[in-house]
Amino acid sequence: MNNKNKDKNINYITYEMFVENAKRQKEAFEKHPAKAVYDEVIRLLGKK
């Protein structure tokens, strides 16, 4: 495997890990008790 293909594979794996981590963080936030507070703050900020 040449370096160009190796770099593409590493970049793809890094991207896959990033996407998976983002999904897990979003799911965790959806279940977090403070989500209602954050939603209210965002709603109030949007009124200004």
PDB file of N, CA and C in Angstrom:
ATOM      1  N   MET A   1       0.865  -1.179   0.000  1.00  0.00           N
ATOM      2  CA  MET A   1       0.000   0.000   0.000  1.00  0.00           C
ATOM      3  C   MET A   1       0.905   1.233   0.000  1.00  0.00           C
ATOM      4  N   ASN A   2       0.635   2.134  -0.936  1.00  0.00           N
ATOM      5  CA  ASN A   2       1.459   3.335  -0.957  1.00  0.00           C
ATOM      6  C   ASN A   2       0.944   4.356   0.054  1.00  0.00           C
ATOM      7  N   ASN A   3       1.740   5.390   0.264  1.00  0.00           N
ATOM      8  CA  ASN A   3       1.406   6.371   1.300  1.00  0.00           C
ATOM      9  C   ASN A   3       0.117   7.122   1.007  1.00  0.00           C
ATOM     10  N   LYS A   4      -0.172   7.359  -0.273  1.00  0.00           N
ATOM     11  CA  LYS A   4      -1.389   8.099  -0.622  1.00  0.00           C
ATOM     12  C   LYS A   4      -2.635   7.324  -0.187  1.00  0.00           C
ATOM     13  N   ASN A   5      -2.674   6.037  -0.484  1.00  0.00           N
ATOM     14  CA  ASN A   5      -3.811   5.209  -0.072  1.00  0.00           C
ATOM     15  C   ASN A   5      -3.869   5.073   1.438  1.00  0.00           C
ATOM     16  N   LYS A   6      -2.710   4.967   2.061  1.00  0.00           N
ATOM     17  CA  LYS A   6      -2.656   4.849   3.516  1.00  0.00           C
ATOM     18  C   LYS A   6      -3.231   6.110   4.160  1.00  0.00           C
ATOM     19  N   ASP A   7      -2.865   7.289   3.628  1.00  0.00           N
ATOM     20  CA  ASP A   7      -3.390   8.553   4.148  1.00  0.00           C
ATOM     21  C   ASP A   7      -4.898   8.632   3.969  1.00  0.00           C
ATOM     22  N   LYS A   8      -5.406   8.174   2.833  1.00  0.00           N
ATOM     23  CA  LYS A   8      -6.856   8.188   2.594  1.00  0.00           C
ATOM     24  C   LYS A   8      -7.566   7.284   3.590  1.00  0.00           C
ATOM     25  N   ASN A   9      -6.991   6.118   3.853  1.00  0.00           N
ATOM     26  CA  ASN A   9      -7.597   5.191   4.810  1.00  0.00           C
ATOM     27  C   ASN A   9      -7.609   5.779   6.209  1.00  0.00           C
ATOM     28  N   ILE A  10      -6.516   6.414   6.597  1.00  0.00           N
ATOM     29  CA  ILE A  10      -6.446   7.029   7.926  1.00  0.00           C
ATOM     30  C   ILE A  10      -7.462   8.161   8.025  1.00  0.00           C
ATOM     31  N   ASN A  11      -7.557   8.972   6.974  1.00  0.00           N
ATOM     32  CA  ASN A  11      -8.532  10.065   6.983  1.00  0.00           C
ATOM     33  C   ASN A  11      -9.953   9.529   7.073  1.00  0.00           C
ATOM     34  N   TYR A  12     -10.248   8.466   6.355  1.00  0.00           N
ATOM     35  CA  TYR A  12     -11.588   7.881   6.384  1.00  0.00           C
ATOM     36  C   TYR A  12     -11.903   7.319   7.766  1.00  0.00           C
ATOM     37  N   ILE A  13     -10.943   6.625   8.352  1.00  0.00           N
ATOM     38  CA  ILE A  13     -11.147   6.061   9.693  1.00  0.00           C
ATOM     39  C   ILE A  13     -11.345   7.178  10.708  1.00  0.00           C
ATOM     40  N   THR A  14     -10.559   8.243  10.597  1.00  0.00           N
ATOM     41  CA  THR A  14     -10.702   9.390  11.496  1.00  0.00           C
ATOM     42  C   THR A  14     -12.085   9.999  11.345  1.00  0.00           C
ATOM     43  N   TYR A  15     -12.550  10.144  10.109  1.00  0.00           N
ATOM     44  CA  TYR A  15     -13.881  10.693   9.847  1.00  0.00           C
ATOM     45  C   TYR A  15     -14.960   9.794  10.442  1.00  0.00           C
ATOM     46  N   GLU A  16     -14.828   8.500  10.238  1.00  0.00           N
ATOM     47  CA  GLU A  16     -15.804   7.550  10.782  1.00  0.00           C
ATOM     48  C   GLU A  16     -15.871   7.658  12.310  1.00  0.00           C
ATOM     49  N   MET A  17     -14.724   7.770  12.950  1.00  0.00           N
ATOM     50  CA  MET A  17     -14.690   7.889  14.409  1.00  0.00           C
ATOM     51  C   MET A  17     -15.341   9.202  14.848  1.00  0.00           C
ATOM     52  N   PHE A  18     -15.083  10.282  14.112  1.00  0.00           N
ATOM     53  CA  PHE A  18     -15.675  11.578  14.428  1.00  0.00           C
ATOM     54  C   PHE A  18     -17.196  11.518  14.339  1.00  0.00           C
ATOM     55  N   VAL A  19     -17.709  10.929  13.272  1.00  0.00           N
ATOM     56  CA  VAL A  19     -19.155  10.824  13.073  1.00  0.00           C
ATOM     57  C   VAL A  19     -19.782   9.973  14.171  1.00  0.00           C
ATOM     58  N   GLU A  20     -19.159   8.864  14.496  1.00  0.00           N
ATOM     59  CA  GLU A  20     -19.684   7.983  15.540  1.00  0.00           C
ATOM     60  C   GLU A  20     -19.701   8.696  16.892  1.00  0.00           C
ATOM     61  N   ASN A  21     -18.650   9.435  17.191  1.00  0.00           N
ATOM     62  CA  ASN A  21     -18.577  10.171  18.446  1.00  0.00           C
ATOM     63  C   ASN A  21     -19.653  11.257  18.494  1.00  0.00           C
ATOM     64  N   ALA A  22     -19.865  11.944  17.386  1.00  0.00           N
ATOM     65  CA  ALA A  22     -20.897  12.983  17.340  1.00  0.00           C
ATOM     66  C   ALA A  22     -22.281  12.387  17.582  1.00  0.00           C
ATOM     67  N   LYS A  23     -22.543  11.223  17.018  1.00  0.00           N
ATOM     68  CA  LYS A  23     -23.830  10.552  17.228  1.00  0.00           C
ATOM     69  C   LYS A  23     -24.029  10.192  18.697  1.00  0.00           C
ATOM     70  N   ARG A  24     -22.969   9.643  19.312  1.00  0.00           N
ATOM     71  CA  ARG A  24     -23.070   9.268  20.727  1.00  0.00           C
ATOM     72  C   ARG A  24     -23.287  10.486  21.612  1.00  0.00           C
ATOM     73  N   GLN A  25     -22.596  11.583  21.311  1.00  0.00           N
ATOM     74  CA  GLN A  25     -22.760  12.800  22.107  1.00  0.00           C
ATOM     75  C   GLN A  25     -24.176  13.352  21.967  1.00  0.00           C
ATOM     76  N   LYS A  26     -24.710  13.323  20.753  1.00  0.00           N
ATOM     77  CA  LYS A  26     -26.071  13.820  20.532  1.00  0.00           C
ATOM     78  C   LYS A  26     -27.077  12.963  21.302  1.00  0.00           C
ATOM     79  N   GLU A  27     -26.922  11.652  21.235  1.00  0.00           N
ATOM     80  CA  GLU A  27     -27.825  10.754  21.959  1.00  0.00           C
ATOM     81  C   GLU A  27     -27.729  10.978  23.466  1.00  0.00           C
ATOM     82  N   ALA A  28     -26.516  11.169  23.964  1.00  0.00           N
ATOM     83  CA  ALA A  28     -26.335  11.404  25.398  1.00  0.00           C
ATOM     84  C   ALA A  28     -26.983  12.722  25.806  1.00  0.00           C
ATOM     85  N   PHE A  29     -26.853  13.742  24.970  1.00  0.00           N
ATOM     86  CA  PHE A  29     -27.437  15.041  25.291  1.00  0.00           C
ATOM     87  C   PHE A  29     -28.959  14.966  25.291  1.00  0.00           C
ATOM     88  N   GLU A  30     -29.522  14.206  24.374  1.00  0.00           N
ATOM     89  CA  GLU A  30     -30.981  14.073  24.313  1.00  0.00           C
ATOM     90  C   GLU A  30     -31.532  13.467  25.605  1.00  0.00           C
ATOM     91  N   LYS A  31     -30.744  12.640  26.268  1.00  0.00           N
ATOM     92  CA  LYS A  31     -31.180  11.980  27.503  1.00  0.00           C
ATOM     93  C   LYS A  31     -30.790  12.769  28.751  1.00  0.00           C
ATOM     94  N   HIS A  32     -29.991  13.821  28.585  1.00  0.00           N
ATOM     95  CA  HIS A  32     -29.457  14.561  29.733  1.00  0.00           C
ATOM     96  C   HIS A  32     -30.551  15.393  30.399  1.00  0.00           C
ATOM     97  N   PRO A  33     -30.607  15.407  31.737  1.00  0.00           N
ATOM     98  CA  PRO A  33     -31.654  16.153  32.446  1.00  0.00           C
ATOM     99  C   PRO A  33     -31.600  17.663  32.206  1.00  0.00           C
ATOM    100  N   ALA A  34     -30.432  18.197  31.891  1.00  0.00           N
ATOM    101  CA  ALA A  34     -30.314  19.646  31.688  1.00  0.00           C
ATOM    102  C   ALA A  34     -30.772  20.082  30.301  1.00  0.00           C
ATOM    103  N   LYS A  35     -31.146  19.147  29.451  1.00  0.00           N
ATOM    104  CA  LYS A  35     -31.555  19.500  28.090  1.00  0.00           C
ATOM    105  C   LYS A  35     -32.730  20.464  28.104  1.00  0.00           C
ATOM    106  N   ALA A  36     -33.669  20.278  29.005  1.00  0.00           N
ATOM    107  CA  ALA A  36     -34.826  21.173  29.089  1.00  0.00           C
ATOM    108  C   ALA A  36     -34.385  22.598  29.414  1.00  0.00           C
ATOM    109  N   VAL A  37     -33.393  22.735  30.278  1.00  0.00           N
ATOM    110  CA  VAL A  37     -32.877  24.066  30.623  1.00  0.00           C
ATOM    111  C   VAL A  37     -32.222  24.698  29.401  1.00  0.00           C
ATOM    112  N   TYR A  38     -31.393  23.939  28.700  1.00  0.00           N
ATOM    113  CA  TYR A  38     -30.742  24.455  27.499  1.00  0.00           C
ATOM    114  C   TYR A  38     -31.781  24.856  26.453  1.00  0.00           C
ATOM    115  N   ASP A  39     -32.798  24.041  26.271  1.00  0.00           N
ATOM    116  CA  ASP A  39     -33.852  24.358  25.306  1.00  0.00           C
ATOM    117  C   ASP A  39     -34.546  25.667  25.664  1.00  0.00           C
ATOM    118  N   GLU A  40     -34.809  25.870  26.953  1.00  0.00           N
ATOM    119  CA  GLU A  40     -35.472  27.095  27.407  1.00  0.00           C
ATOM    120  C   GLU A  40     -34.584  28.314  27.170  1.00  0.00           C
ATOM    121  N   VAL A  41     -33.307  28.199  27.455  1.00  0.00           N
ATOM    122  CA  VAL A  41     -32.377  29.311  27.230  1.00  0.00           C
ATOM    123  C   VAL A  41     -32.322  29.663  25.748  1.00  0.00           C
ATOM    124  N   ILE A  42     -32.216  28.665  24.903  1.00  0.00           N
ATOM    125  CA  ILE A  42     -32.180  28.903  23.455  1.00  0.00           C
ATOM    126  C   ILE A  42     -33.478  29.564  22.997  1.00  0.00           C
ATOM    127  N   ARG A  43     -34.594  29.101  23.524  1.00  0.00           N
ATOM    128  CA  ARG A  43     -35.888  29.680  23.163  1.00  0.00           C
ATOM    129  C   ARG A  43     -35.943  31.149  23.577  1.00  0.00           C
ATOM    130  N   LEU A  44     -35.502  31.453  24.790  1.00  0.00           N
ATOM    131  CA  LEU A  44     -35.522  32.833  25.279  1.00  0.00           C
ATOM    132  C   LEU A  44     -34.557  33.723  24.499  1.00  0.00           C
ATOM    133  N   LEU A  45     -33.414  33.209  24.153  1.00  0.00           N
ATOM    134  CA  LEU A  45     -32.461  33.987  23.356  1.00  0.00           C
ATOM    135  C   LEU A  45     -33.020  34.285  21.968  1.00  0.00           C
ATOM    136  N   GLY A  46     -33.812  33.373  21.455  1.00  0.00           N
ATOM    137  CA  GLY A  46     -34.410  33.570  20.138  1.00  0.00           C
ATOM    138  C   GLY A  46     -35.482  34.637  20.119  1.00  0.00           C
ATOM    139  N   LYS A  47     -36.030  34.979  21.272  1.00  0.00           N
ATOM    140  CA  LYS A  47     -37.085  35.992  21.339  1.00  0.00           C
ATOM    141  C   LYS A  47     -36.538  37.403  21.183  1.00  0.00           C
ATOM    142  N   LYS A  48     -35.253  37.602  21.438  1.00  0.00           N
ATOM    143  CA  LYS A  48     -34.672  38.953  21.409  1.00  0.00           C
ATOM    144  C   LYS A  48     -34.470  39.454  20.018  1.00  0.00           C
TER     145      LYS A  48
END
